[in-house]
Amino acid sequence: MTHKHTPHTRSWLRTPSGVVLLGFLAIAAFFLITEHRAHVLGALPYVFFLLCPVLHLLLHRGHGDGHTGHGTNEDRSQGDGR
């Protein structure tokens, strides 16, 4: 019985340059959030208002094409002439 061993590759984020990049992004995110909090909080009601139609379109995508299929199962189940 032979086992093939695949070489273990390290994730790019676990390399020294990846750790430095993650640290830089964390620091940048902290300063962006603290310095621009008033702007973000001021725009938040508009973001919610604009998000409503987008969520409506995305969440209703799986309902099919129109109303052509309503009642077909009931019509088939009562096909014995009643």
N, C-alpha and C. Protein backbone atom coordinates (compact mmCIF):
# COMPACT_ATOMS: atom_id res chain seq x y z
N MET A 1 0.84 -1.16 0.00
CA MET A 1 0.00 0.00 0.00
C MET A 1 0.90 1.24 0.00
N THR A 2 0.77 2.05 -1.03
CA THR A 2 1.60 3.24 -1.12
C THR A 2 0.73 4.47 -0.92
N HIS A 3 1.27 5.42 -0.23
CA HIS A 3 0.57 6.68 0.02
C HIS A 3 1.32 7.79 -0.70
N LYS A 4 0.58 8.57 -1.45
CA LYS A 4 1.19 9.73 -2.09
C LYS A 4 1.02 10.93 -1.17
N HIS A 5 2.13 11.53 -0.86
CA HIS A 5 2.11 12.71 0.01
C HIS A 5 2.21 13.95 -0.85
N THR A 6 1.25 14.82 -0.69
CA THR A 6 1.31 16.09 -1.41
C THR A 6 2.07 17.09 -0.55
N PRO A 7 2.87 17.91 -1.16
CA PRO A 7 3.61 18.90 -0.37
C PRO A 7 2.65 19.93 0.23
N HIS A 8 2.89 20.24 1.48
CA HIS A 8 2.04 21.23 2.17
C HIS A 8 2.50 22.63 1.78
N THR A 9 1.60 23.37 1.21
CA THR A 9 1.92 24.74 0.84
C THR A 9 1.34 25.68 1.88
N ARG A 10 2.13 26.67 2.25
CA ARG A 10 1.67 27.66 3.22
C ARG A 10 0.80 28.68 2.53
N SER A 11 -0.18 29.15 3.24
CA SER A 11 -1.02 30.22 2.73
C SER A 11 -0.18 31.49 2.60
N TRP A 12 -0.50 32.30 1.59
CA TRP A 12 0.26 33.53 1.38
C TRP A 12 0.15 34.47 2.56
N LEU A 13 -1.00 34.41 3.25
CA LEU A 13 -1.20 35.31 4.38
C LEU A 13 -0.35 34.94 5.59
N ARG A 14 0.19 33.74 5.61
CA ARG A 14 1.02 33.32 6.74
C ARG A 14 2.51 33.58 6.50
N THR A 15 2.84 34.11 5.35
CA THR A 15 4.23 34.49 5.09
C THR A 15 4.50 35.82 5.78
N PRO A 16 5.76 36.16 5.99
CA PRO A 16 6.06 37.44 6.66
C PRO A 16 5.49 38.65 5.93
N SER A 17 5.53 38.65 4.62
CA SER A 17 4.97 39.80 3.90
C SER A 17 3.45 39.84 4.03
N GLY A 18 2.79 38.70 4.11
CA GLY A 18 1.35 38.67 4.30
C GLY A 18 0.94 39.19 5.67
N VAL A 19 1.72 38.85 6.69
CA VAL A 19 1.44 39.33 8.05
C VAL A 19 1.62 40.85 8.11
N VAL A 20 2.67 41.35 7.46
CA VAL A 20 2.89 42.80 7.44
C VAL A 20 1.73 43.49 6.72
N LEU A 21 1.28 42.92 5.59
CA LEU A 21 0.16 43.51 4.87
C LEU A 21 -1.11 43.52 5.71
N LEU A 22 -1.39 42.43 6.40
CA LEU A 22 -2.57 42.39 7.27
C LEU A 22 -2.48 43.41 8.39
N GLY A 23 -1.30 43.57 8.97
CA GLY A 23 -1.11 44.59 10.01
C GLY A 23 -1.33 45.99 9.48
N PHE A 24 -0.78 46.27 8.29
CA PHE A 24 -0.97 47.59 7.68
C PHE A 24 -2.44 47.84 7.38
N LEU A 25 -3.14 46.85 6.85
CA LEU A 25 -4.56 47.01 6.56
C LEU A 25 -5.38 47.23 7.82
N ALA A 26 -5.02 46.55 8.92
CA ALA A 26 -5.73 46.74 10.18
C ALA A 26 -5.54 48.15 10.72
N ILE A 27 -4.31 48.66 10.64
CA ILE A 27 -4.03 50.02 11.11
C ILE A 27 -4.75 51.04 10.23
N ALA A 28 -4.71 50.84 8.92
CA ALA A 28 -5.38 51.76 8.00
C ALA A 28 -6.89 51.76 8.24
N ALA A 29 -7.47 50.58 8.46
CA ALA A 29 -8.91 50.49 8.73
C ALA A 29 -9.27 51.21 10.03
N PHE A 30 -8.42 51.07 11.05
CA PHE A 30 -8.68 51.74 12.32
C PHE A 30 -8.71 53.25 12.14
N PHE A 31 -7.72 53.81 11.44
CA PHE A 31 -7.68 55.26 11.27
C PHE A 31 -8.78 55.76 10.35
N LEU A 32 -9.12 54.99 9.34
CA LEU A 32 -10.23 55.40 8.48
C LEU A 32 -11.54 55.44 9.24
N ILE A 33 -11.75 54.45 10.08
CA ILE A 33 -13.01 54.40 10.85
C ILE A 33 -13.06 55.52 11.88
N THR A 34 -11.95 55.76 12.58
CA THR A 34 -11.99 56.79 13.63
C THR A 34 -12.07 58.20 13.05
N GLU A 35 -11.41 58.45 11.93
CA GLU A 35 -11.39 59.80 11.37
C GLU A 35 -12.64 60.12 10.55
N HIS A 36 -13.28 59.12 10.00
CA HIS A 36 -14.41 59.36 9.11
C HIS A 36 -15.73 58.84 9.68
N ARG A 37 -15.79 58.68 10.98
CA ARG A 37 -17.00 58.15 11.61
C ARG A 37 -18.20 59.06 11.38
N ALA A 38 -18.02 60.35 11.45
CA ALA A 38 -19.12 61.29 11.26
C ALA A 38 -19.68 61.20 9.85
N HIS A 39 -18.80 61.06 8.87
CA HIS A 39 -19.27 60.95 7.49
C HIS A 39 -20.04 59.65 7.27
N VAL A 40 -19.52 58.56 7.83
CA VAL A 40 -20.16 57.26 7.64
C VAL A 40 -21.51 57.23 8.35
N LEU A 41 -21.56 57.73 9.57
CA LEU A 41 -22.83 57.70 10.31
C LEU A 41 -23.85 58.65 9.70
N GLY A 42 -23.39 59.74 9.09
CA GLY A 42 -24.30 60.66 8.43
C GLY A 42 -24.91 60.08 7.18
N ALA A 43 -24.18 59.20 6.50
CA ALA A 43 -24.68 58.60 5.26
C ALA A 43 -25.44 57.30 5.51
N LEU A 44 -25.44 56.80 6.72
CA LEU A 44 -26.06 55.51 7.02
C LEU A 44 -27.55 55.44 6.69
N PRO A 45 -28.37 56.45 6.97
CA PRO A 45 -29.79 56.36 6.58
C PRO A 45 -29.98 56.24 5.07
N TYR A 46 -29.14 56.95 4.31
CA TYR A 46 -29.24 56.86 2.85
C TYR A 46 -28.81 55.49 2.34
N VAL A 47 -27.82 54.90 2.99
CA VAL A 47 -27.37 53.57 2.60
C VAL A 47 -28.49 52.56 2.83
N PHE A 48 -29.17 52.65 3.97
CA PHE A 48 -30.29 51.74 4.23
C PHE A 48 -31.41 51.94 3.22
N PHE A 49 -31.68 53.19 2.89
CA PHE A 49 -32.73 53.49 1.92
C PHE A 49 -32.39 52.92 0.55
N LEU A 50 -31.14 53.04 0.13
CA LEU A 50 -30.72 52.51 -1.17
C LEU A 50 -30.56 51.00 -1.16
N LEU A 51 -30.35 50.43 0.01
CA LEU A 51 -30.17 48.99 0.11
C LEU A 51 -31.49 48.23 0.00
N CYS A 52 -32.61 48.86 0.30
CA CYS A 52 -33.91 48.19 0.23
C CYS A 52 -34.24 47.65 -1.16
N PRO A 53 -34.17 48.45 -2.23
CA PRO A 53 -34.48 47.88 -3.55
C PRO A 53 -33.47 46.83 -4.00
N VAL A 54 -32.21 47.00 -3.62
CA VAL A 54 -31.19 46.02 -4.01
C VAL A 54 -31.48 44.68 -3.35
N LEU A 55 -31.78 44.70 -2.06
CA LEU A 55 -32.10 43.46 -1.36
C LEU A 55 -33.39 42.84 -1.88
N HIS A 56 -34.35 43.66 -2.23
CA HIS A 56 -35.60 43.15 -2.79
C HIS A 56 -35.33 42.40 -4.09
N LEU A 57 -34.50 42.96 -4.95
CA LEU A 57 -34.18 42.29 -6.21
C LEU A 57 -33.38 41.02 -5.99
N LEU A 58 -32.44 41.06 -5.07
CA LEU A 58 -31.60 39.89 -4.85
C LEU A 58 -32.34 38.76 -4.15
N LEU A 59 -33.19 39.10 -3.20
CA LEU A 59 -33.86 38.06 -2.41
C LEU A 59 -35.05 37.45 -3.11
N HIS A 60 -35.60 38.11 -4.11
CA HIS A 60 -36.74 37.56 -4.84
C HIS A 60 -36.33 36.92 -6.16
N ARG A 61 -35.05 36.70 -6.37
CA ARG A 61 -34.58 36.14 -7.62
C ARG A 61 -35.01 34.69 -7.81
N GLY A 62 -35.13 33.90 -6.76
CA GLY A 62 -35.40 32.48 -6.89
C GLY A 62 -36.86 32.10 -6.97
N HIS A 63 -37.77 33.04 -7.21
CA HIS A 63 -39.19 32.72 -7.23
C HIS A 63 -39.70 32.24 -8.58
N GLY A 64 -38.89 32.18 -9.58
CA GLY A 64 -39.35 31.70 -10.88
C GLY A 64 -39.74 32.83 -11.81
N ASP A 65 -40.29 32.47 -12.95
CA ASP A 65 -40.64 33.45 -13.98
C ASP A 65 -42.14 33.73 -13.96
N GLY A 66 -42.55 34.69 -13.22
CA GLY A 66 -43.94 35.12 -13.22
C GLY A 66 -44.85 34.20 -12.43
N HIS A 67 -46.13 34.28 -12.75
CA HIS A 67 -47.16 33.54 -12.01
C HIS A 67 -47.78 32.44 -12.86
N THR A 68 -47.05 31.88 -13.80
CA THR A 68 -47.65 30.90 -14.70
C THR A 68 -47.85 29.54 -14.06
N GLY A 69 -47.15 29.24 -12.98
CA GLY A 69 -47.23 27.90 -12.42
C GLY A 69 -48.16 27.76 -11.24
N HIS A 70 -48.91 28.77 -10.89
CA HIS A 70 -49.78 28.69 -9.72
C HIS A 70 -50.98 27.80 -10.00
N GLY A 71 -51.26 26.92 -9.06
CA GLY A 71 -52.46 26.10 -9.15
C GLY A 71 -52.31 24.85 -10.00
N THR A 72 -51.16 24.60 -10.58
CA THR A 72 -51.03 23.44 -11.46
C THR A 72 -51.03 22.14 -10.67
N ASN A 73 -50.45 22.14 -9.48
CA ASN A 73 -50.43 20.91 -8.68
C ASN A 73 -51.84 20.56 -8.21
N GLU A 74 -52.62 21.56 -7.86
CA GLU A 74 -53.98 21.29 -7.41
C GLU A 74 -54.83 20.75 -8.56
N ASP A 75 -54.64 21.29 -9.77
CA ASP A 75 -55.40 20.83 -10.93
C ASP A 75 -55.06 19.39 -11.26
N ARG A 76 -53.81 19.00 -11.15
CA ARG A 76 -53.41 17.63 -11.47
C ARG A 76 -53.93 16.63 -10.43
N SER A 77 -53.94 17.06 -9.14
CA SER A 77 -54.37 16.12 -8.10
C SER A 77 -55.88 15.87 -8.16
N GLN A 78 -56.63 16.77 -8.74
CA GLN A 78 -58.09 16.59 -8.83
C GLN A 78 -58.50 16.16 -10.24
N GLY A 79 -57.69 15.39 -10.90
CA GLY A 79 -57.96 15.00 -12.27
C GLY A 79 -58.91 13.81 -12.39
N ASP A 80 -59.55 13.37 -11.28
CA ASP A 80 -60.44 12.22 -11.36
C ASP A 80 -61.87 12.61 -11.63
N GLY A 81 -62.15 13.86 -12.03
CA GLY A 81 -63.48 14.26 -12.46
C GLY A 81 -64.34 14.85 -11.40
N ARG A 82 -63.83 15.11 -10.21
CA ARG A 82 -64.64 15.71 -9.16
C ARG A 82 -64.73 17.19 -9.30
